[in-house]
Amino acid sequence: MDHKIQLKHPTGKKAISMDKEKYGVIEKSLLICLKGKAEVTHKEILNTITEDFKKNKIKFDGSIGWHMEWVKLDLEARKKITRIADTTPIKFKLT
């Protein structure tokens, strides 16, 4: 049986429930991407996660980009990462 977790949205909007394993895989890769870097764009995060999955032969069922977006929003809501909104493109960093 799949275990789902309820995600949060940084602006309080209704968020989705996601498979806990999928969340964990994306979260781990996303946090590794941000570690040791001052700022990273959305595109850089997606590219890094995609490359990490290929390199480590991680099979992922579903859209990596879609799941990454929700995990990113949840991490923002939980104050683990910060959106730097006054940059173009928008960048993110560890809190």
PDB file of N, CA and C in Angstrom:
ATOM      1  N   MET A   1       0.828  -1.172   0.000  1.00  0.00           N
ATOM      2  CA  MET A   1       0.000   0.000   0.000  1.00  0.00           C
ATOM      3  C   MET A   1       0.885   1.252   0.000  1.00  0.00           C
ATOM      4  N   ASP A   2       0.590   2.202  -0.854  1.00  0.00           N
ATOM      5  CA  ASP A   2       1.349   3.437  -0.942  1.00  0.00           C
ATOM      6  C   ASP A   2       1.057   4.325   0.257  1.00  0.00           C
ATOM      7  N   HIS A   3       2.113   4.918   0.773  1.00  0.00           N
ATOM      8  CA  HIS A   3       1.958   5.883   1.862  1.00  0.00           C
ATOM      9  C   HIS A   3       2.072   7.274   1.261  1.00  0.00           C
ATOM     10  N   LYS A   4       1.083   8.092   1.526  1.00  0.00           N
ATOM     11  CA  LYS A   4       1.073   9.450   0.995  1.00  0.00           C
ATOM     12  C   LYS A   4       1.283  10.445   2.126  1.00  0.00           C
ATOM     13  N   ILE A   5       1.882  11.577   1.759  1.00  0.00           N
ATOM     14  CA  ILE A   5       2.038  12.654   2.717  1.00  0.00           C
ATOM     15  C   ILE A   5       1.353  13.899   2.156  1.00  0.00           C
ATOM     16  N   GLN A   6       0.800  14.692   3.044  1.00  0.00           N
ATOM     17  CA  GLN A   6       0.129  15.926   2.648  1.00  0.00           C
ATOM     18  C   GLN A   6       1.169  17.029   2.556  1.00  0.00           C
ATOM     19  N   LEU A   7       1.255  17.651   1.392  1.00  0.00           N
ATOM     20  CA  LEU A   7       2.203  18.733   1.198  1.00  0.00           C
ATOM     21  C   LEU A   7       1.576  20.058   1.610  1.00  0.00           C
ATOM     22  N   LYS A   8       2.430  21.070   1.741  1.00  0.00           N
ATOM     23  CA  LYS A   8       1.981  22.418   2.073  1.00  0.00           C
ATOM     24  C   LYS A   8       2.333  23.344   0.920  1.00  0.00           C
ATOM     25  N   HIS A   9       1.619  24.458   0.829  1.00  0.00           N
ATOM     26  CA  HIS A   9       1.889  25.477  -0.184  1.00  0.00           C
ATOM     27  C   HIS A   9       2.345  26.730   0.559  1.00  0.00           C
ATOM     28  N   PRO A  10       3.392  27.415   0.074  1.00  0.00           N
ATOM     29  CA  PRO A  10       3.913  28.570   0.806  1.00  0.00           C
ATOM     30  C   PRO A  10       2.930  29.728   0.984  1.00  0.00           C
ATOM     31  N   THR A  11       1.932  29.839   0.126  1.00  0.00           N
ATOM     32  CA  THR A  11       0.951  30.919   0.277  1.00  0.00           C
ATOM     33  C   THR A  11      -0.348  30.433   0.905  1.00  0.00           C
ATOM     34  N   GLY A  12      -0.359  29.190   1.391  1.00  0.00           N
ATOM     35  CA  GLY A  12      -1.530  28.667   2.067  1.00  0.00           C
ATOM     36  C   GLY A  12      -2.582  28.057   1.153  1.00  0.00           C
ATOM     37  N   LYS A  13      -2.314  28.018  -0.151  1.00  0.00           N
ATOM     38  CA  LYS A  13      -3.263  27.408  -1.081  1.00  0.00           C
ATOM     39  C   LYS A  13      -3.352  25.910  -0.828  1.00  0.00           C
ATOM     40  N   LYS A  14      -4.386  25.297  -1.372  1.00  0.00           N
ATOM     41  CA  LYS A  14      -4.572  23.856  -1.226  1.00  0.00           C
ATOM     42  C   LYS A  14      -3.440  23.125  -1.944  1.00  0.00           C
ATOM     43  N   ALA A  15      -2.840  22.196  -1.255  1.00  0.00           N
ATOM     44  CA  ALA A  15      -1.737  21.421  -1.813  1.00  0.00           C
ATOM     45  C   ALA A  15      -2.174  19.973  -1.997  1.00  0.00           C
ATOM     46  N   ILE A  16      -1.332  19.223  -2.671  1.00  0.00           N
ATOM     47  CA  ILE A  16      -1.640  17.834  -2.993  1.00  0.00           C
ATOM     48  C   ILE A  16      -1.074  16.878  -1.949  1.00  0.00           C
ATOM     49  N   SER A  17      -1.469  15.618  -2.058  1.00  0.00           N
ATOM     50  CA  SER A  17      -0.841  14.525  -1.334  1.00  0.00           C
ATOM     51  C   SER A  17       0.056  13.811  -2.337  1.00  0.00           C
ATOM     52  N   MET A  18       1.229  13.395  -1.884  1.00  0.00           N
ATOM     53  CA  MET A  18       2.183  12.748  -2.782  1.00  0.00           C
ATOM     54  C   MET A  18       2.705  11.472  -2.137  1.00  0.00           C
ATOM     55  N   ASP A  19       3.025  10.512  -2.971  1.00  0.00           N
ATOM     56  CA  ASP A  19       3.639   9.281  -2.506  1.00  0.00           C
ATOM     57  C   ASP A  19       4.912   9.632  -1.733  1.00  0.00           C
ATOM     58  N   LYS A  20       5.052   9.083  -0.545  1.00  0.00           N
ATOM     59  CA  LYS A  20       6.171   9.407   0.343  1.00  0.00           C
ATOM     60  C   LYS A  20       7.519   9.063  -0.285  1.00  0.00           C
ATOM     61  N   GLU A  21       7.604   7.958  -0.996  1.00  0.00           N
ATOM     62  CA  GLU A  21       8.862   7.559  -1.632  1.00  0.00           C
ATOM     63  C   GLU A  21       9.259   8.535  -2.741  1.00  0.00           C
ATOM     64  N   LYS A  22       8.290   8.939  -3.569  1.00  0.00           N
ATOM     65  CA  LYS A  22       8.571   9.902  -4.630  1.00  0.00           C
ATOM     66  C   LYS A  22       9.043  11.222  -4.037  1.00  0.00           C
ATOM     67  N   TYR A  23       8.360  11.658  -2.975  1.00  0.00           N
ATOM     68  CA  TYR A  23       8.737  12.902  -2.301  1.00  0.00           C
ATOM     69  C   TYR A  23      10.179  12.806  -1.808  1.00  0.00           C
ATOM     70  N   GLY A  24      10.501  11.707  -1.152  1.00  0.00           N
ATOM     71  CA  GLY A  24      11.836  11.533  -0.583  1.00  0.00           C
ATOM     72  C   GLY A  24      12.947  11.561  -1.615  1.00  0.00           C
ATOM     73  N   VAL A  25      12.723  10.911  -2.746  1.00  0.00           N
ATOM     74  CA  VAL A  25      13.733  10.874  -3.809  1.00  0.00           C
ATOM     75  C   VAL A  25      13.964  12.268  -4.386  1.00  0.00           C
ATOM     76  N   ILE A  26      12.882  12.975  -4.665  1.00  0.00           N
ATOM     77  CA  ILE A  26      12.991  14.333  -5.224  1.00  0.00           C
ATOM     78  C   ILE A  26      13.602  15.280  -4.191  1.00  0.00           C
ATOM     79  N   GLU A  27      13.126  15.202  -2.951  1.00  0.00           N
ATOM     80  CA  GLU A  27      13.633  16.093  -1.901  1.00  0.00           C
ATOM     81  C   GLU A  27      15.137  15.926  -1.723  1.00  0.00           C
ATOM     82  N   LYS A  28      15.597  14.699  -1.648  1.00  0.00           N
ATOM     83  CA  LYS A  28      17.021  14.430  -1.450  1.00  0.00           C
ATOM     84  C   LYS A  28      17.846  15.047  -2.577  1.00  0.00           C
ATOM     85  N   SER A  29      17.442  14.810  -3.800  1.00  0.00           N
ATOM     86  CA  SER A  29      18.172  15.329  -4.952  1.00  0.00           C
ATOM     87  C   SER A  29      18.120  16.855  -5.004  1.00  0.00           C
ATOM     88  N   LEU A  30      16.973  17.438  -4.682  1.00  0.00           N
ATOM     89  CA  LEU A  30      16.816  18.900  -4.698  1.00  0.00           C
ATOM     90  C   LEU A  30      17.707  19.554  -3.644  1.00  0.00           C
ATOM     91  N   LEU A  31      17.735  19.006  -2.447  1.00  0.00           N
ATOM     92  CA  LEU A  31      18.551  19.579  -1.387  1.00  0.00           C
ATOM     93  C   LEU A  31      20.040  19.442  -1.681  1.00  0.00           C
ATOM     94  N   ILE A  32      20.432  18.336  -2.297  1.00  0.00           N
ATOM     95  CA  ILE A  32      21.829  18.157  -2.712  1.00  0.00           C
ATOM     96  C   ILE A  32      22.190  19.208  -3.758  1.00  0.00           C
ATOM     97  N   CYS A  33      21.272  19.489  -4.665  1.00  0.00           N
ATOM     98  CA  CYS A  33      21.482  20.497  -5.703  1.00  0.00           C
ATOM     99  C   CYS A  33      21.747  21.868  -5.090  1.00  0.00           C
ATOM    100  N   LEU A  34      21.027  22.213  -4.035  1.00  0.00           N
ATOM    101  CA  LEU A  34      21.147  23.525  -3.417  1.00  0.00           C
ATOM    102  C   LEU A  34      22.316  23.633  -2.436  1.00  0.00           C
ATOM    103  N   LYS A  35      22.766  22.493  -1.930  1.00  0.00           N
ATOM    104  CA  LYS A  35      23.819  22.493  -0.913  1.00  0.00           C
ATOM    105  C   LYS A  35      25.116  23.084  -1.472  1.00  0.00           C
ATOM    106  N   GLY A  36      25.658  24.027  -0.744  1.00  0.00           N
ATOM    107  CA  GLY A  36      26.933  24.625  -1.118  1.00  0.00           C
ATOM    108  C   GLY A  36      26.854  25.670  -2.218  1.00  0.00           C
ATOM    109  N   LYS A  37      25.641  25.992  -2.659  1.00  0.00           N
ATOM    110  CA  LYS A  37      25.465  27.002  -3.698  1.00  0.00           C
ATOM    111  C   LYS A  37      24.708  28.180  -3.127  1.00  0.00           C
ATOM    112  N   ALA A  38      25.088  29.377  -3.566  1.00  0.00           N
ATOM    113  CA  ALA A  38      24.430  30.579  -3.072  1.00  0.00           C
ATOM    114  C   ALA A  38      22.990  30.656  -3.583  1.00  0.00           C
ATOM    115  N   GLU A  39      22.818  30.496  -4.891  1.00  0.00           N
ATOM    116  CA  GLU A  39      21.495  30.604  -5.506  1.00  0.00           C
ATOM    117  C   GLU A  39      21.429  29.680  -6.717  1.00  0.00           C
ATOM    118  N   VAL A  40      20.253  29.101  -6.949  1.00  0.00           N
ATOM    119  CA  VAL A  40      20.059  28.186  -8.075  1.00  0.00           C
ATOM    120  C   VAL A  40      18.704  28.486  -8.717  1.00  0.00           C
ATOM    121  N   THR A  41      18.656  28.476 -10.053  1.00  0.00           N
ATOM    122  CA  THR A  41      17.394  28.728 -10.747  1.00  0.00           C
ATOM    123  C   THR A  41      16.554  27.457 -10.791  1.00  0.00           C
ATOM    124  N   HIS A  42      15.269  27.641 -11.102  1.00  0.00           N
ATOM    125  CA  HIS A  42      14.339  26.524 -11.251  1.00  0.00           C
ATOM    126  C   HIS A  42      14.861  25.542 -12.304  1.00  0.00           C
ATOM    127  N   LYS A  43      15.309  26.069 -13.437  1.00  0.00           N
ATOM    128  CA  LYS A  43      15.802  25.232 -14.532  1.00  0.00           C
ATOM    129  C   LYS A  43      17.042  24.443 -14.109  1.00  0.00           C
ATOM    130  N   GLU A  44      17.936  25.082 -13.354  1.00  0.00           N
ATOM    131  CA  GLU A  44      19.133  24.387 -12.879  1.00  0.00           C
ATOM    132  C   GLU A  44      18.767  23.252 -11.925  1.00  0.00           C
ATOM    133  N   ILE A  45      17.776  23.493 -11.076  1.00  0.00           N
ATOM    134  CA  ILE A  45      17.329  22.444 -10.154  1.00  0.00           C
ATOM    135  C   ILE A  45      16.794  21.253 -10.945  1.00  0.00           C
ATOM    136  N   LEU A  46      15.909  21.520 -11.902  1.00  0.00           N
ATOM    137  CA  LEU A  46      15.322  20.442 -12.706  1.00  0.00           C
ATOM    138  C   LEU A  46      16.398  19.683 -13.469  1.00  0.00           C
ATOM    139  N   ASN A  47      17.332  20.394 -14.086  1.00  0.00           N
ATOM    140  CA  ASN A  47      18.407  19.737 -14.837  1.00  0.00           C
ATOM    141  C   ASN A  47      19.277  18.874 -13.929  1.00  0.00           C
ATOM    142  N   THR A  48      19.588  19.377 -12.745  1.00  0.00           N
ATOM    143  CA  THR A  48      20.419  18.629 -11.798  1.00  0.00           C
ATOM    144  C   THR A  48      19.712  17.368 -11.325  1.00  0.00           C
ATOM    145  N   ILE A  49      18.429  17.475 -11.004  1.00  0.00           N
ATOM    146  CA  ILE A  49      17.665  16.304 -10.556  1.00  0.00           C
ATOM    147  C   ILE A  49      17.588  15.264 -11.682  1.00  0.00           C
ATOM    148  N   THR A  50      17.290  15.712 -12.894  1.00  0.00           N
ATOM    149  CA  THR A  50      17.194  14.798 -14.038  1.00  0.00           C
ATOM    150  C   THR A  50      18.521  14.082 -14.265  1.00  0.00           C
ATOM    151  N   GLU A  51      19.621  14.820 -14.223  1.00  0.00           N
ATOM    152  CA  GLU A  51      20.949  14.222 -14.400  1.00  0.00           C
ATOM    153  C   GLU A  51      21.287  13.263 -13.265  1.00  0.00           C
ATOM    154  N   ASP A  52      20.915  13.623 -12.034  1.00  0.00           N
ATOM    155  CA  ASP A  52      21.153  12.761 -10.878  1.00  0.00           C
ATOM    156  C   ASP A  52      20.419  11.436 -11.044  1.00  0.00           C
ATOM    157  N   PHE A  53      19.173  11.498 -11.514  1.00  0.00           N
ATOM    158  CA  PHE A  53      18.391  10.283 -11.719  1.00  0.00           C
ATOM    159  C   PHE A  53      19.031   9.403 -12.796  1.00  0.00           C
ATOM    160  N   LYS A  54      19.506  10.016 -13.879  1.00  0.00           N
ATOM    161  CA  LYS A  54      20.158   9.252 -14.952  1.00  0.00           C
ATOM    162  C   LYS A  54      21.453   8.626 -14.448  1.00  0.00           C
ATOM    163  N   LYS A  55      22.265   9.426 -13.772  1.00  0.00           N
ATOM    164  CA  LYS A  55      23.565   8.971 -13.269  1.00  0.00           C
ATOM    165  C   LYS A  55      23.420   7.806 -12.295  1.00  0.00           C
ATOM    166  N   ASN A  56      22.451   7.920 -11.397  1.00  0.00           N
ATOM    167  CA  ASN A  56      22.251   6.891 -10.368  1.00  0.00           C
ATOM    168  C   ASN A  56      21.222   5.835 -10.756  1.00  0.00           C
ATOM    169  N   LYS A  57      20.780   5.889 -12.016  1.00  0.00           N
ATOM    170  CA  LYS A  57      19.819   4.925 -12.563  1.00  0.00           C
ATOM    171  C   LYS A  57      18.579   4.798 -11.680  1.00  0.00           C
ATOM    172  N   ILE A  58      18.047   5.963 -11.266  1.00  0.00           N
ATOM    173  CA  ILE A  58      16.838   6.000 -10.449  1.00  0.00           C
ATOM    174  C   ILE A  58      15.644   6.004 -11.394  1.00  0.00           C
ATOM    175  N   LYS A  59      14.797   4.998 -11.276  1.00  0.00           N
ATOM    176  CA  LYS A  59      13.581   4.941 -12.081  1.00  0.00           C
ATOM    177  C   LYS A  59      12.522   5.776 -11.379  1.00  0.00           C
ATOM    178  N   PHE A  60      11.906   6.669 -12.141  1.00  0.00           N
ATOM    179  CA  PHE A  60      10.895   7.541 -11.570  1.00  0.00           C
ATOM    180  C   PHE A  60       9.666   7.481 -12.441  1.00  0.00           C
ATOM    181  N   ASP A  61       8.555   7.070 -11.849  1.00  0.00           N
ATOM    182  CA  ASP A  61       7.299   6.948 -12.568  1.00  0.00           C
ATOM    183  C   ASP A  61       6.533   8.262 -12.444  1.00  0.00           C
ATOM    184  N   GLY A  62       6.372   8.975 -13.552  1.00  0.00           N
ATOM    185  CA  GLY A  62       5.669  10.254 -13.544  1.00  0.00           C
ATOM    186  C   GLY A  62       6.581  11.368 -14.015  1.00  0.00           C
ATOM    187  N   SER A  63       6.058  12.566 -14.000  1.00  0.00           N
ATOM    188  CA  SER A  63       6.797  13.742 -14.453  1.00  0.00           C
ATOM    189  C   SER A  63       7.724  14.249 -13.348  1.00  0.00           C
ATOM    190  N   ILE A  64       9.018  14.248 -13.624  1.00  0.00           N
ATOM    191  CA  ILE A  64       9.980  14.747 -12.652  1.00  0.00           C
ATOM    192  C   ILE A  64       9.716  16.229 -12.384  1.00  0.00           C
ATOM    193  N   GLY A  65       9.469  16.997 -13.443  1.00  0.00           N
ATOM    194  CA  GLY A  65       9.243  18.432 -13.296  1.00  0.00           C
ATOM    195  C   GLY A  65       8.037  18.761 -12.437  1.00  0.00           C
ATOM    196  N   TRP A  66       6.940  18.052 -12.653  1.00  0.00           N
ATOM    197  CA  TRP A  66       5.713  18.291 -11.891  1.00  0.00           C
ATOM    198  C   TRP A  66       5.934  17.973 -10.415  1.00  0.00           C
ATOM    199  N   HIS A  67       6.528  16.812 -10.143  1.00  0.00           N
ATOM    200  CA  HIS A  67       6.782  16.411  -8.761  1.00  0.00           C
ATOM    201  C   HIS A  67       7.798  17.345  -8.104  1.00  0.00           C
ATOM    202  N   MET A  68       8.824  17.749  -8.849  1.00  0.00           N
ATOM    203  CA  MET A  68       9.823  18.657  -8.312  1.00  0.00           C
ATOM    204  C   MET A  68       9.189  19.981  -7.896  1.00  0.00           C
ATOM    205  N   GLU A  69       8.271  20.477  -8.701  1.00  0.00           N
ATOM    206  CA  GLU A  69       7.606  21.748  -8.392  1.00  0.00           C
ATOM    207  C   GLU A  69       6.855  21.661  -7.068  1.00  0.00           C
ATOM    208  N   TRP A  70       6.124  20.573  -6.847  1.00  0.00           N
ATOM    209  CA  TRP A  70       5.376  20.435  -5.599  1.00  0.00           C
ATOM    210  C   TRP A  70       6.300  20.240  -4.401  1.00  0.00           C
ATOM    211  N   VAL A  71       7.374  19.485  -4.575  1.00  0.00           N
ATOM    212  CA  VAL A  71       8.319  19.303  -3.469  1.00  0.00           C
ATOM    213  C   VAL A  71       8.974  20.640  -3.145  1.00  0.00           C
ATOM    214  N   LYS A  72       9.329  21.411  -4.174  1.00  0.00           N
ATOM    215  CA  LYS A  72       9.936  22.727  -3.989  1.00  0.00           C
ATOM    216  C   LYS A  72       8.979  23.654  -3.225  1.00  0.00           C
ATOM    217  N   LEU A  73       7.722  23.674  -3.611  1.00  0.00           N
ATOM    218  CA  LEU A  73       6.733  24.491  -2.908  1.00  0.00           C
ATOM    219  C   LEU A  73       6.588  24.062  -1.447  1.00  0.00           C
ATOM    220  N   ASP A  74       6.575  22.755  -1.209  1.00  0.00           N
ATOM    221  CA  ASP A  74       6.449  22.241   0.151  1.00  0.00           C
ATOM    222  C   ASP A  74       7.659  22.638   0.989  1.00  0.00           C
ATOM    223  N   LEU A  75       8.849  22.536   0.418  1.00  0.00           N
ATOM    224  CA  LEU A  75      10.055  22.919   1.148  1.00  0.00           C
ATOM    225  C   LEU A  75      10.074  24.417   1.444  1.00  0.00           C
ATOM    226  N   GLU A  76       9.529  25.213   0.524  1.00  0.00           N
ATOM    227  CA  GLU A  76       9.391  26.653   0.783  1.00  0.00           C
ATOM    228  C   GLU A  76       8.445  26.880   1.960  1.00  0.00           C
ATOM    229  N   ALA A  77       7.305  26.192   1.949  1.00  0.00           N
ATOM    230  CA  ALA A  77       6.310  26.350   3.016  1.00  0.00           C
ATOM    231  C   ALA A  77       6.872  25.913   4.370  1.00  0.00           C
ATOM    232  N   ARG A  78       7.740  24.929   4.364  1.00  0.00           N
ATOM    233  CA  ARG A  78       8.337  24.420   5.602  1.00  0.00           C
ATOM    234  C   ARG A  78       9.615  25.169   5.979  1.00  0.00           C
ATOM    235  N   LYS A  79       9.938  26.210   5.208  1.00  0.00           N
ATOM    236  CA  LYS A  79      11.085  27.087   5.482  1.00  0.00           C
ATOM    237  C   LYS A  79      12.434  26.372   5.385  1.00  0.00           C
ATOM    238  N   LYS A  80      12.508  25.325   4.555  1.00  0.00           N
ATOM    239  CA  LYS A  80      13.789  24.650   4.335  1.00  0.00           C
ATOM    240  C   LYS A  80      14.559  25.289   3.184  1.00  0.00           C
ATOM    241  N   ILE A  81      13.817  25.880   2.244  1.00  0.00           N
ATOM    242  CA  ILE A  81      14.441  26.633   1.163  1.00  0.00           C
ATOM    243  C   ILE A  81      13.755  27.989   1.063  1.00  0.00           C
ATOM    244  N   THR A  82      14.443  28.926   0.432  1.00  0.00           N
ATOM    245  CA  THR A  82      13.928  30.278   0.298  1.00  0.00           C
ATOM    246  C   THR A  82      13.903  30.674  -1.167  1.00  0.00           C
ATOM    247  N   ARG A  83      12.813  31.296  -1.578  1.00  0.00           N
ATOM    248  CA  ARG A  83      12.673  31.841  -2.929  1.00  0.00           C
ATOM    249  C   ARG A  83      13.229  33.256  -2.923  1.00  0.00           C
ATOM    250  N   ILE A  84      14.119  33.537  -3.860  1.00  0.00           N
ATOM    251  CA  ILE A  84      14.668  34.887  -4.001  1.00  0.00           C
ATOM    252  C   ILE A  84      13.905  35.522  -5.157  1.00  0.00           C
ATOM    253  N   ALA A  85      12.824  36.200  -4.824  1.00  0.00           N
ATOM    254  CA  ALA A  85      11.855  36.666  -5.822  1.00  0.00           C
ATOM    255  C   ALA A  85      12.299  37.885  -6.607  1.00  0.00           C
ATOM    256  N   ASP A  86      13.255  38.647  -6.103  1.00  0.00           N
ATOM    257  CA  ASP A  86      13.646  39.862  -6.815  1.00  0.00           C
ATOM    258  C   ASP A  86      14.732  39.614  -7.865  1.00  0.00           C
ATOM    259  N   THR A  87      14.907  38.363  -8.260  1.00  0.00           N
ATOM    260  CA  THR A  87      15.868  38.016  -9.312  1.00  0.00           C
ATOM    261  C   THR A  87      15.115  37.537 -10.547  1.00  0.00           C
ATOM    262  N   THR A  88      15.742  37.692 -11.694  1.00  0.00           N
ATOM    263  CA  THR A  88      15.169  37.166 -12.929  1.00  0.00           C
ATOM    264  C   THR A  88      16.221  36.314 -13.600  1.00  0.00           C
ATOM    265  N   PRO A  89      15.987  35.020 -13.768  1.00  0.00           N
ATOM    266  CA  PRO A  89      14.822  34.274 -13.290  1.00  0.00           C
ATOM    267  C   PRO A  89      14.854  34.112 -11.771  1.00  0.00           C
ATOM    268  N   ILE A  90      13.727  33.688 -11.215  1.00  0.00           N
ATOM    269  CA  ILE A  90      13.626  33.477  -9.770  1.00  0.00           C
ATOM    270  C   ILE A  90      14.646  32.399  -9.357  1.00  0.00           C
ATOM    271  N   LYS A  91      15.294  32.633  -8.238  1.00  0.00           N
ATOM    272  CA  LYS A  91      16.301  31.690  -7.745  1.00  0.00           C
ATOM    273  C   LYS A  91      15.908  31.201  -6.353  1.00  0.00           C
ATOM    274  N   PHE A  92      16.542  30.111  -5.960  1.00  0.00           N
ATOM    275  CA  PHE A  92      16.265  29.484  -4.683  1.00  0.00           C
ATOM    276  C   PHE A  92      17.564  29.215  -3.952  1.00  0.00           C
ATOM    277  N   LYS A  93      17.488  29.154  -2.617  1.00  0.00           N
ATOM    278  CA  LYS A  93      18.651  28.824  -1.797  1.00  0.00           C
ATOM    279  C   LYS A  93      18.182  28.096  -0.547  1.00  0.00           C
ATOM    280  N   LEU A  94      19.110  27.409   0.102  1.00  0.00           N
ATOM    281  CA  LEU A  94      18.787  26.770   1.370  1.00  0.00           C
ATOM    282  C   LEU A  94      18.554  27.852   2.417  1.00  0.00           C
ATOM    283  N   THR A  95      17.648  27.600   3.329  1.00  0.00           N
ATOM    284  CA  THR A  95      17.347  28.569   4.389  1.00  0.00           C
ATOM    285  C   THR A  95      18.373  28.460   5.484  1.00  0.00           C
TER     286      THR A  95
END
